[in-house]
């Protein structure tokens, strides 16, 4: 193991707890559209139940073969969950907890732990930027859907 990095993000969002939970845990094969990576990853949901989800992500990289990641999610509706992502470079664990802040507000706490297996890896600051950047893109989408009355995406 080369390095372990931990990032904690706390974000209040506009939308009730259940709305946010439903939108963040529907897991569809088109979820790659939210990624900022180019080319976008392709998702394949392998198994889904009310408490567990398994999916595979394929990333096209410059090598002749794709990079693959497997995600195993344990859900505790509507407030919590845990994701284990396994790939060739950095197994990642994400614990998420949601707190109801009233009828139209939810607080999301994320605890991300990455365990890098390679000596060349991003700094902790770069990892924080990546995690925060994903949320900066995602939060306006979920809030926009909520304000317009559309089902949650993501």
C-alpha atoms as a PDB file:
ATOM      1  CA  UNK A   1       0.000   0.000   0.000  1.00  0.00           C
ATOM      2  CA  UNK A   2       1.459   3.357  -1.019  1.00  0.00           C
ATOM      3  CA  UNK A   3      -0.886   5.832   0.701  1.00  0.00           C
ATOM      4  CA  UNK A   4      -4.224   6.170   2.437  1.00  0.00           C
ATOM      5  CA  UNK A   5      -6.192   9.389   2.045  1.00  0.00           C
ATOM      6  CA  UNK A   6      -9.344  10.387   3.896  1.00  0.00           C
ATOM      7  CA  UNK A   7     -11.674  13.198   2.830  1.00  0.00           C
ATOM      8  CA  UNK A   8     -14.762  14.403   4.704  1.00  0.00           C
ATOM      9  CA  UNK A   9     -17.356  16.561   2.932  1.00  0.00           C
ATOM     10  CA  UNK A  10     -20.455  18.081   4.556  1.00  0.00           C
ATOM     11  CA  UNK A  11     -23.001  19.681   2.237  1.00  0.00           C
ATOM     12  CA  UNK A  12     -26.472  21.076   2.912  1.00  0.00           C
ATOM     13  CA  UNK A  13     -28.774  20.764  -0.092  1.00  0.00           C
ATOM     14  CA  UNK A  14     -32.227  21.955  -1.070  1.00  0.00           C
ATOM     15  CA  UNK A  15     -34.622  19.018  -1.120  1.00  0.00           C
ATOM     16  CA  UNK A  16     -36.159  16.675   1.425  1.00  0.00           C
ATOM     17  CA  UNK A  17     -34.173  13.714   2.674  1.00  0.00           C
ATOM     18  CA  UNK A  18     -36.252  11.054   0.882  1.00  0.00           C
ATOM     19  CA  UNK A  19     -36.106  12.913  -2.443  1.00  0.00           C
ATOM     20  CA  UNK A  20     -32.322  13.148  -2.279  1.00  0.00           C
ATOM     21  CA  UNK A  21     -31.980   9.527  -1.171  1.00  0.00           C
ATOM     22  CA  UNK A  22     -34.184   8.228  -3.999  1.00  0.00           C
ATOM     23  CA  UNK A  23     -32.261  10.210  -6.607  1.00  0.00           C
ATOM     24  CA  UNK A  24     -28.867   9.191  -5.341  1.00  0.00           C
ATOM     25  CA  UNK A  25     -29.597   5.476  -4.995  1.00  0.00           C
ATOM     26  CA  UNK A  26     -31.540   4.544  -8.130  1.00  0.00           C
ATOM     27  CA  UNK A  27     -28.350   3.345  -9.933  1.00  0.00           C
ATOM     28  CA  UNK A  28     -28.988   3.073 -13.649  1.00  0.00           C
ATOM     29  CA  UNK A  29     -26.733   2.067 -16.500  1.00  0.00           C
ATOM     30  CA  UNK A  30     -26.752   5.680 -17.825  1.00  0.00           C
ATOM     31  CA  UNK A  31     -25.227   7.118 -14.624  1.00  0.00           C
ATOM     32  CA  UNK A  32     -21.958   7.800 -16.460  1.00  0.00           C
ATOM     33  CA  UNK A  33     -23.539  10.940 -17.929  1.00  0.00           C
ATOM     34  CA  UNK A  34     -22.792  12.732 -14.640  1.00  0.00           C
ATOM     35  CA  UNK A  35     -19.063  12.043 -14.846  1.00  0.00           C
ATOM     36  CA  UNK A  36     -16.622  14.785 -15.781  1.00  0.00           C
ATOM     37  CA  UNK A  37     -14.154  12.236 -17.166  1.00  0.00           C
ATOM     38  CA  UNK A  38     -13.707  12.134 -20.919  1.00  0.00           C
ATOM     39  CA  UNK A  39     -14.505   9.755 -22.354  1.00  0.00           C
ATOM     40  CA  UNK A  40     -17.266   9.083 -19.830  1.00  0.00           C
ATOM     41  CA  UNK A  41     -17.326   5.728 -18.054  1.00  0.00           C
ATOM     42  CA  UNK A  42     -19.902   3.150 -19.064  1.00  0.00           C
ATOM     43  CA  UNK A  43     -21.919   1.760 -16.150  1.00  0.00           C
ATOM     44  CA  UNK A  44     -23.535  -1.626 -15.988  1.00  0.00           C
ATOM     45  CA  UNK A  45     -25.817  -2.410 -13.054  1.00  0.00           C
ATOM     46  CA  UNK A  46     -25.323  -6.109 -12.374  1.00  0.00           C
ATOM     47  CA  UNK A  47     -27.649  -6.544  -9.420  1.00  0.00           C
ATOM     48  CA  UNK A  48     -30.031  -4.272  -7.563  1.00  0.00           C
ATOM     49  CA  UNK A  49     -32.194  -4.849  -4.512  1.00  0.00           C
ATOM     50  CA  UNK A  50     -33.595  -2.423  -1.930  1.00  0.00           C
ATOM     51  CA  UNK A  51     -30.488  -2.850   0.267  1.00  0.00           C
ATOM     52  CA  UNK A  52     -27.672  -3.820  -2.123  1.00  0.00           C
ATOM     53  CA  UNK A  53     -26.401  -2.711  -5.524  1.00  0.00           C
ATOM     54  CA  UNK A  54     -23.555  -4.113  -7.590  1.00  0.00           C
ATOM     55  CA  UNK A  55     -22.317  -2.364 -10.679  1.00  0.00           C
ATOM     56  CA  UNK A  56     -19.338  -2.299 -13.002  1.00  0.00           C
ATOM     57  CA  UNK A  57     -17.737   0.789 -14.552  1.00  0.00           C
ATOM     58  CA  UNK A  58     -15.651   0.644 -17.707  1.00  0.00           C
ATOM     59  CA  UNK A  59     -13.276   3.507 -18.479  1.00  0.00           C
ATOM     60  CA  UNK A  60     -11.690   3.863 -21.894  1.00  0.00           C
ATOM     61  CA  UNK A  61      -8.063   4.739 -21.363  1.00  0.00           C
ATOM     62  CA  UNK A  62      -5.059   5.116 -23.637  1.00  0.00           C
ATOM     63  CA  UNK A  63      -4.066   1.495 -23.113  1.00  0.00           C
ATOM     64  CA  UNK A  64      -5.454  -1.130 -25.506  1.00  0.00           C
ATOM     65  CA  UNK A  65      -7.827  -2.455 -22.828  1.00  0.00           C
ATOM     66  CA  UNK A  66     -10.359  -0.647 -20.634  1.00  0.00           C
ATOM     67  CA  UNK A  67      -9.913   0.103 -16.959  1.00  0.00           C
ATOM     68  CA  UNK A  68     -12.574  -1.625 -14.859  1.00  0.00           C
ATOM     69  CA  UNK A  69     -13.996  -0.815 -11.434  1.00  0.00           C
ATOM     70  CA  UNK A  70     -16.553  -2.797  -9.447  1.00  0.00           C
ATOM     71  CA  UNK A  71     -18.843  -1.131  -6.907  1.00  0.00           C
ATOM     72  CA  UNK A  72     -20.668  -2.879  -4.084  1.00  0.00           C
ATOM     73  CA  UNK A  73     -23.170  -0.710  -2.222  1.00  0.00           C
ATOM     74  CA  UNK A  74     -24.976  -1.378   1.031  1.00  0.00           C
ATOM     75  CA  UNK A  75     -27.972   0.885   1.554  1.00  0.00           C
ATOM     76  CA  UNK A  76     -29.719   1.826   4.776  1.00  0.00           C
ATOM     77  CA  UNK A  77     -32.787   3.739   3.537  1.00  0.00           C
ATOM     78  CA  UNK A  78     -33.291   6.614   3.764  1.00  0.00           C
ATOM     79  CA  UNK A  79     -30.370   7.966   5.784  1.00  0.00           C
ATOM     80  CA  UNK A  80     -27.167   6.038   5.151  1.00  0.00           C
ATOM     81  CA  UNK A  81     -25.111   3.751   2.990  1.00  0.00           C
ATOM     82  CA  UNK A  82     -21.647   2.465   2.227  1.00  0.00           C
ATOM     83  CA  UNK A  83     -19.854   1.914  -1.084  1.00  0.00           C
ATOM     84  CA  UNK A  84     -16.794  -0.227  -1.707  1.00  0.00           C
ATOM     85  CA  UNK A  85     -15.177   0.484  -5.060  1.00  0.00           C
ATOM     86  CA  UNK A  86     -12.516  -1.921  -6.221  1.00  0.00           C
ATOM     87  CA  UNK A  87     -10.194  -1.176  -9.109  1.00  0.00           C
ATOM     88  CA  UNK A  88      -6.599  -1.825 -10.032  1.00  0.00           C
ATOM     89  CA  UNK A  89      -5.088   1.320  -8.456  1.00  0.00           C
ATOM     90  CA  UNK A  90      -7.065   2.557  -5.484  1.00  0.00           C
ATOM     91  CA  UNK A  91      -9.742   0.696  -3.582  1.00  0.00           C
ATOM     92  CA  UNK A  92     -12.114   3.365  -2.293  1.00  0.00           C
ATOM     93  CA  UNK A  93     -14.689   3.285   0.488  1.00  0.00           C
ATOM     94  CA  UNK A  94     -17.413   5.903   0.832  1.00  0.00           C
ATOM     95  CA  UNK A  95     -19.710   6.205   3.835  1.00  0.00           C
ATOM     96  CA  UNK A  96     -22.612   8.571   3.392  1.00  0.00           C
ATOM     97  CA  UNK A  97     -25.111   9.791   5.919  1.00  0.00           C
ATOM     98  CA  UNK A  98     -28.034  12.118   5.366  1.00  0.00           C
ATOM     99  CA  UNK A  99     -29.673  14.255   8.021  1.00  0.00           C
ATOM    100  CA  UNK A 100     -33.116  15.782   7.678  1.00  0.00           C
ATOM    101  CA  UNK A 101     -32.883  19.565   8.201  1.00  0.00           C
ATOM    102  CA  UNK A 102     -36.593  20.188   7.761  1.00  0.00           C
ATOM    103  CA  UNK A 103     -39.173  19.698   5.038  1.00  0.00           C
ATOM    104  CA  UNK A 104     -36.998  21.115   2.246  1.00  0.00           C
ATOM    105  CA  UNK A 105     -33.365  20.720   3.410  1.00  0.00           C
ATOM    106  CA  UNK A 106     -30.989  17.776   3.828  1.00  0.00           C
ATOM    107  CA  UNK A 107     -27.408  17.615   5.048  1.00  0.00           C
ATOM    108  CA  UNK A 108     -25.111  15.076   3.404  1.00  0.00           C
ATOM    109  CA  UNK A 109     -21.956  13.827   5.142  1.00  0.00           C
ATOM    110  CA  UNK A 110     -19.460  11.910   3.005  1.00  0.00           C
ATOM    111  CA  UNK A 111     -16.421  10.093   4.357  1.00  0.00           C
ATOM    112  CA  UNK A 112     -14.173   8.961   1.512  1.00  0.00           C
ATOM    113  CA  UNK A 113     -11.156   6.702   2.087  1.00  0.00           C
ATOM    114  CA  UNK A 114      -8.809   5.872  -0.802  1.00  0.00           C
ATOM    115  CA  UNK A 115      -6.022   3.343  -0.444  1.00  0.00           C
ATOM    116  CA  UNK A 116      -3.545   3.846  -3.241  1.00  0.00           C
ATOM    117  CA  UNK A 117      -1.609   0.769  -4.373  1.00  0.00           C
ATOM    118  CA  UNK A 118       0.755   2.637  -6.657  1.00  0.00           C
ATOM    119  CA  UNK A 119       3.527   5.069  -5.727  1.00  0.00           C
ATOM    120  CA  UNK A 120       2.373   7.659  -8.296  1.00  0.00           C
ATOM    121  CA  UNK A 121      -0.957   8.936  -6.990  1.00  0.00           C
ATOM    122  CA  UNK A 122      -2.768  12.234  -6.458  1.00  0.00           C
ATOM    123  CA  UNK A 123      -2.046  14.283  -3.360  1.00  0.00           C
ATOM    124  CA  UNK A 124      -4.647  14.527  -0.619  1.00  0.00           C
ATOM    125  CA  UNK A 125      -5.482  18.039  -1.875  1.00  0.00           C
ATOM    126  CA  UNK A 126      -6.051  16.719  -5.397  1.00  0.00           C
ATOM    127  CA  UNK A 127      -8.297  13.983  -3.997  1.00  0.00           C
ATOM    128  CA  UNK A 128     -10.265  16.617  -2.047  1.00  0.00           C
ATOM    129  CA  UNK A 129     -10.662  18.670  -5.254  1.00  0.00           C
ATOM    130  CA  UNK A 130     -11.926  15.613  -7.146  1.00  0.00           C
ATOM    131  CA  UNK A 131     -14.478  14.689  -4.470  1.00  0.00           C
ATOM    132  CA  UNK A 132     -15.642  18.292  -4.003  1.00  0.00           C
ATOM    133  CA  UNK A 133     -15.759  18.826  -7.770  1.00  0.00           C
ATOM    134  CA  UNK A 134     -18.102  15.873  -8.195  1.00  0.00           C
ATOM    135  CA  UNK A 135     -20.444  17.315  -5.576  1.00  0.00           C
ATOM    136  CA  UNK A 136     -20.272  20.817  -7.070  1.00  0.00           C
ATOM    137  CA  UNK A 137     -21.568  19.318 -10.349  1.00  0.00           C
ATOM    138  CA  UNK A 138     -24.130  17.018  -8.755  1.00  0.00           C
ATOM    139  CA  UNK A 139     -25.808  19.255  -6.137  1.00  0.00           C
ATOM    140  CA  UNK A 140     -27.208  21.847  -8.615  1.00  0.00           C
ATOM    141  CA  UNK A 141     -28.631  18.995 -10.720  1.00  0.00           C
ATOM    142  CA  UNK A 142     -30.543  17.451  -7.822  1.00  0.00           C
ATOM    143  CA  UNK A 143     -31.714  20.853  -6.544  1.00  0.00           C
ATOM    144  CA  UNK A 144     -32.865  21.865 -10.036  1.00  0.00           C
ATOM    145  CA  UNK A 145     -34.853  18.646 -10.396  1.00  0.00           C
ATOM    146  CA  UNK A 146     -36.432  19.213  -6.984  1.00  0.00           C
ATOM    147  CA  UNK A 147     -37.427  22.825  -7.717  1.00  0.00           C
ATOM    148  CA  UNK A 148     -38.944  21.876 -11.086  1.00  0.00           C
ATOM    149  CA  UNK A 149     -40.904  18.936  -9.672  1.00  0.00           C
ATOM    150  CA  UNK A 150     -39.041  16.341 -11.763  1.00  0.00           C
ATOM    151  CA  UNK A 151     -37.916  13.002 -10.358  1.00  0.00           C
ATOM    152  CA  UNK A 152     -34.425  13.084  -8.881  1.00  0.00           C
ATOM    153  CA  UNK A 153     -31.562  12.108 -11.182  1.00  0.00           C
ATOM    154  CA  UNK A 154     -28.270  10.592 -10.367  1.00  0.00           C
END
